[in-house]
Amino acid sequence: MKTKEMIEMNNELRKNLNGENKIFYENLLLYLRIEGFARDENKIETHLLMILQDILEAQNDGIAAETYFGKIQR
């Protein structure tokens, strides 16, 4: 899948996140995109999409992203 297609899919899937999980994921997304600026964009988008899909599955099971992945250290 092309990077642009993954970004579009990511944008669509994010609409399904609840408020708490949306904040968690968008913080992670921002961090990875900034850190990966000079790296392989396609690889970063692939990982972001996989993480988003995991969060949505956990959300469907009633598990918050922070519980599923753990707290993000800043």
N, C-alpha and C. Protein backbone atom coordinates (compact mmCIF):
# COMPACT_ATOMS: atom_id res chain seq x y z
N MET A 1 0.84 -1.16 0.00
CA MET A 1 0.00 0.00 0.00
C MET A 1 0.90 1.24 0.00
N LYS A 2 0.51 2.22 -0.77
CA LYS A 2 1.29 3.46 -0.84
C LYS A 2 1.09 4.29 0.42
N THR A 3 2.10 5.11 0.72
CA THR A 3 2.07 5.94 1.92
C THR A 3 0.82 6.81 1.96
N LYS A 4 0.49 7.45 0.87
CA LYS A 4 -0.68 8.32 0.82
C LYS A 4 -1.96 7.55 1.14
N GLU A 5 -2.06 6.34 0.64
CA GLU A 5 -3.24 5.50 0.91
C GLU A 5 -3.33 5.14 2.39
N MET A 6 -2.16 4.86 2.99
CA MET A 6 -2.16 4.52 4.42
C MET A 6 -2.57 5.73 5.26
N ILE A 7 -2.11 6.90 4.89
CA ILE A 7 -2.48 8.12 5.63
C ILE A 7 -3.98 8.35 5.53
N GLU A 8 -4.54 8.15 4.34
CA GLU A 8 -5.98 8.32 4.15
C GLU A 8 -6.77 7.29 4.97
N MET A 9 -6.29 6.05 4.98
CA MET A 9 -6.95 5.00 5.75
C MET A 9 -6.85 5.32 7.24
N ASN A 10 -5.69 5.79 7.66
CA ASN A 10 -5.48 6.18 9.05
C ASN A 10 -6.48 7.26 9.46
N ASN A 11 -6.62 8.27 8.62
CA ASN A 11 -7.55 9.37 8.89
C ASN A 11 -8.98 8.86 9.03
N GLU A 12 -9.38 7.93 8.19
CA GLU A 12 -10.74 7.38 8.25
C GLU A 12 -10.94 6.52 9.50
N LEU A 13 -9.97 5.66 9.80
CA LEU A 13 -10.11 4.78 10.96
C LEU A 13 -10.10 5.55 12.27
N ARG A 14 -9.35 6.64 12.33
CA ARG A 14 -9.29 7.45 13.56
C ARG A 14 -10.65 8.00 13.95
N LYS A 15 -11.53 8.15 12.99
CA LYS A 15 -12.88 8.65 13.27
C LYS A 15 -13.65 7.70 14.20
N ASN A 16 -13.21 6.44 14.29
CA ASN A 16 -13.88 5.43 15.10
C ASN A 16 -13.37 5.38 16.54
N LEU A 17 -12.34 6.16 16.85
CA LEU A 17 -11.79 6.15 18.20
C LEU A 17 -12.67 6.96 19.15
N ASN A 18 -12.77 6.48 20.39
CA ASN A 18 -13.46 7.28 21.39
C ASN A 18 -12.53 8.41 21.83
N GLY A 19 -13.04 9.35 22.61
CA GLY A 19 -12.28 10.54 22.98
C GLY A 19 -10.94 10.25 23.65
N GLU A 20 -10.94 9.37 24.64
CA GLU A 20 -9.73 9.03 25.37
C GLU A 20 -8.69 8.37 24.47
N ASN A 21 -9.14 7.43 23.65
CA ASN A 21 -8.22 6.72 22.76
C ASN A 21 -7.74 7.63 21.63
N LYS A 22 -8.57 8.56 21.20
CA LYS A 22 -8.17 9.49 20.15
C LYS A 22 -7.01 10.37 20.64
N ILE A 23 -7.10 10.87 21.86
CA ILE A 23 -6.03 11.68 22.41
C ILE A 23 -4.75 10.86 22.51
N PHE A 24 -4.85 9.64 23.04
CA PHE A 24 -3.69 8.75 23.18
C PHE A 24 -3.03 8.53 21.81
N TYR A 25 -3.83 8.13 20.83
CA TYR A 25 -3.29 7.79 19.52
C TYR A 25 -2.72 9.01 18.81
N GLU A 26 -3.40 10.14 18.88
CA GLU A 26 -2.91 11.32 18.17
C GLU A 26 -1.61 11.84 18.78
N ASN A 27 -1.42 11.68 20.09
CA ASN A 27 -0.14 12.02 20.69
C ASN A 27 0.96 11.10 20.17
N LEU A 28 0.65 9.82 20.08
CA LEU A 28 1.61 8.85 19.55
C LEU A 28 1.91 9.14 18.08
N LEU A 29 0.88 9.40 17.32
CA LEU A 29 1.03 9.71 15.89
C LEU A 29 1.94 10.93 15.69
N LEU A 30 1.69 11.97 16.43
CA LEU A 30 2.49 13.19 16.32
C LEU A 30 3.95 12.91 16.65
N TYR A 31 4.17 12.18 17.73
CA TYR A 31 5.54 11.85 18.13
C TYR A 31 6.25 11.05 17.04
N LEU A 32 5.61 10.02 16.54
CA LEU A 32 6.26 9.17 15.53
C LEU A 32 6.50 9.91 14.22
N ARG A 33 5.58 10.74 13.82
CA ARG A 33 5.77 11.48 12.57
C ARG A 33 6.88 12.52 12.71
N ILE A 34 6.97 13.16 13.86
CA ILE A 34 8.05 14.15 14.07
C ILE A 34 9.40 13.44 14.16
N GLU A 35 9.46 12.38 14.95
CA GLU A 35 10.71 11.63 15.12
C GLU A 35 11.14 10.96 13.81
N GLY A 36 10.19 10.57 13.01
CA GLY A 36 10.49 9.86 11.78
C GLY A 36 10.62 10.75 10.56
N PHE A 37 10.65 12.05 10.78
CA PHE A 37 10.67 13.01 9.67
C PHE A 37 11.74 12.67 8.63
N ALA A 38 12.93 12.32 9.08
CA ALA A 38 14.04 12.05 8.16
C ALA A 38 14.20 10.55 7.88
N ARG A 39 13.23 9.77 8.28
CA ARG A 39 13.31 8.32 8.11
C ARG A 39 12.33 7.85 7.03
N ASP A 40 12.14 6.57 6.99
CA ASP A 40 11.26 5.94 5.99
C ASP A 40 9.80 6.20 6.32
N GLU A 41 9.19 7.12 5.61
CA GLU A 41 7.80 7.52 5.87
C GLU A 41 6.84 6.35 5.72
N ASN A 42 7.06 5.51 4.74
CA ASN A 42 6.18 4.37 4.51
C ASN A 42 6.22 3.41 5.69
N LYS A 43 7.39 3.17 6.23
CA LYS A 43 7.52 2.26 7.37
C LYS A 43 6.81 2.83 8.60
N ILE A 44 6.96 4.13 8.82
CA ILE A 44 6.29 4.77 9.96
C ILE A 44 4.79 4.68 9.81
N GLU A 45 4.27 4.98 8.62
CA GLU A 45 2.83 4.92 8.40
C GLU A 45 2.30 3.50 8.53
N THR A 46 3.09 2.51 8.13
CA THR A 46 2.71 1.11 8.29
C THR A 46 2.54 0.77 9.76
N HIS A 47 3.50 1.19 10.58
CA HIS A 47 3.43 0.94 12.02
C HIS A 47 2.27 1.69 12.66
N LEU A 48 2.06 2.94 12.26
CA LEU A 48 0.95 3.71 12.81
C LEU A 48 -0.39 3.05 12.52
N LEU A 49 -0.54 2.55 11.30
CA LEU A 49 -1.79 1.90 10.92
C LEU A 49 -2.00 0.62 11.73
N MET A 50 -0.93 -0.15 11.95
CA MET A 50 -1.03 -1.37 12.75
C MET A 50 -1.41 -1.04 14.19
N ILE A 51 -0.81 -0.01 14.75
CA ILE A 51 -1.12 0.41 16.12
C ILE A 51 -2.58 0.86 16.22
N LEU A 52 -3.01 1.65 15.25
CA LEU A 52 -4.40 2.13 15.25
C LEU A 52 -5.37 0.96 15.19
N GLN A 53 -5.09 -0.03 14.38
CA GLN A 53 -5.97 -1.18 14.29
C GLN A 53 -6.00 -1.95 15.61
N ASP A 54 -4.85 -2.05 16.29
CA ASP A 54 -4.81 -2.69 17.61
C ASP A 54 -5.65 -1.92 18.62
N ILE A 55 -5.55 -0.59 18.60
CA ILE A 55 -6.33 0.24 19.52
C ILE A 55 -7.82 0.06 19.27
N LEU A 56 -8.21 0.04 18.00
CA LEU A 56 -9.64 -0.15 17.68
C LEU A 56 -10.14 -1.51 18.15
N GLU A 57 -9.33 -2.55 18.00
CA GLU A 57 -9.73 -3.88 18.47
C GLU A 57 -9.88 -3.89 19.99
N ALA A 58 -8.90 -3.29 20.68
CA ALA A 58 -8.97 -3.22 22.14
C ALA A 58 -10.19 -2.41 22.58
N GLN A 59 -10.43 -1.30 21.88
CA GLN A 59 -11.59 -0.46 22.19
C GLN A 59 -12.88 -1.25 22.06
N ASN A 60 -12.98 -2.08 21.02
CA ASN A 60 -14.17 -2.92 20.84
C ASN A 60 -14.35 -3.91 21.98
N ASP A 61 -13.23 -4.27 22.64
CA ASP A 61 -13.27 -5.16 23.79
C ASP A 61 -13.40 -4.41 25.11
N GLY A 62 -13.57 -3.08 25.02
CA GLY A 62 -13.74 -2.26 26.21
C GLY A 62 -12.44 -1.92 26.92
N ILE A 63 -11.33 -2.03 26.22
CA ILE A 63 -10.02 -1.76 26.81
C ILE A 63 -9.48 -0.44 26.25
N ALA A 64 -9.09 0.46 27.14
CA ALA A 64 -8.53 1.75 26.72
C ALA A 64 -7.13 1.56 26.15
N ALA A 65 -6.75 2.42 25.23
CA ALA A 65 -5.43 2.34 24.59
C ALA A 65 -4.31 2.40 25.62
N GLU A 66 -4.46 3.28 26.59
CA GLU A 66 -3.41 3.42 27.61
C GLU A 66 -3.28 2.15 28.45
N THR A 67 -4.36 1.46 28.69
CA THR A 67 -4.31 0.19 29.40
C THR A 67 -3.67 -0.88 28.52
N TYR A 68 -4.02 -0.90 27.26
CA TYR A 68 -3.53 -1.90 26.32
C TYR A 68 -2.03 -1.73 26.07
N PHE A 69 -1.59 -0.51 25.83
CA PHE A 69 -0.19 -0.26 25.49
C PHE A 69 0.66 0.21 26.66
N GLY A 70 0.02 0.75 27.67
CA GLY A 70 0.77 1.35 28.78
C GLY A 70 0.86 2.85 28.58
N LYS A 71 1.25 3.53 29.64
CA LYS A 71 1.32 4.98 29.62
C LYS A 71 2.50 5.44 28.76
N ILE A 72 2.28 6.48 27.97
CA ILE A 72 3.35 7.05 27.14
C ILE A 72 4.22 7.92 28.03
N GLN A 73 5.51 7.66 28.03
CA GLN A 73 6.45 8.44 28.82
C GLN A 73 6.86 9.68 28.03
N ARG A 74 6.81 10.83 28.68
CA ARG A 74 7.20 12.07 28.00
C ARG A 74 8.45 12.62 28.59
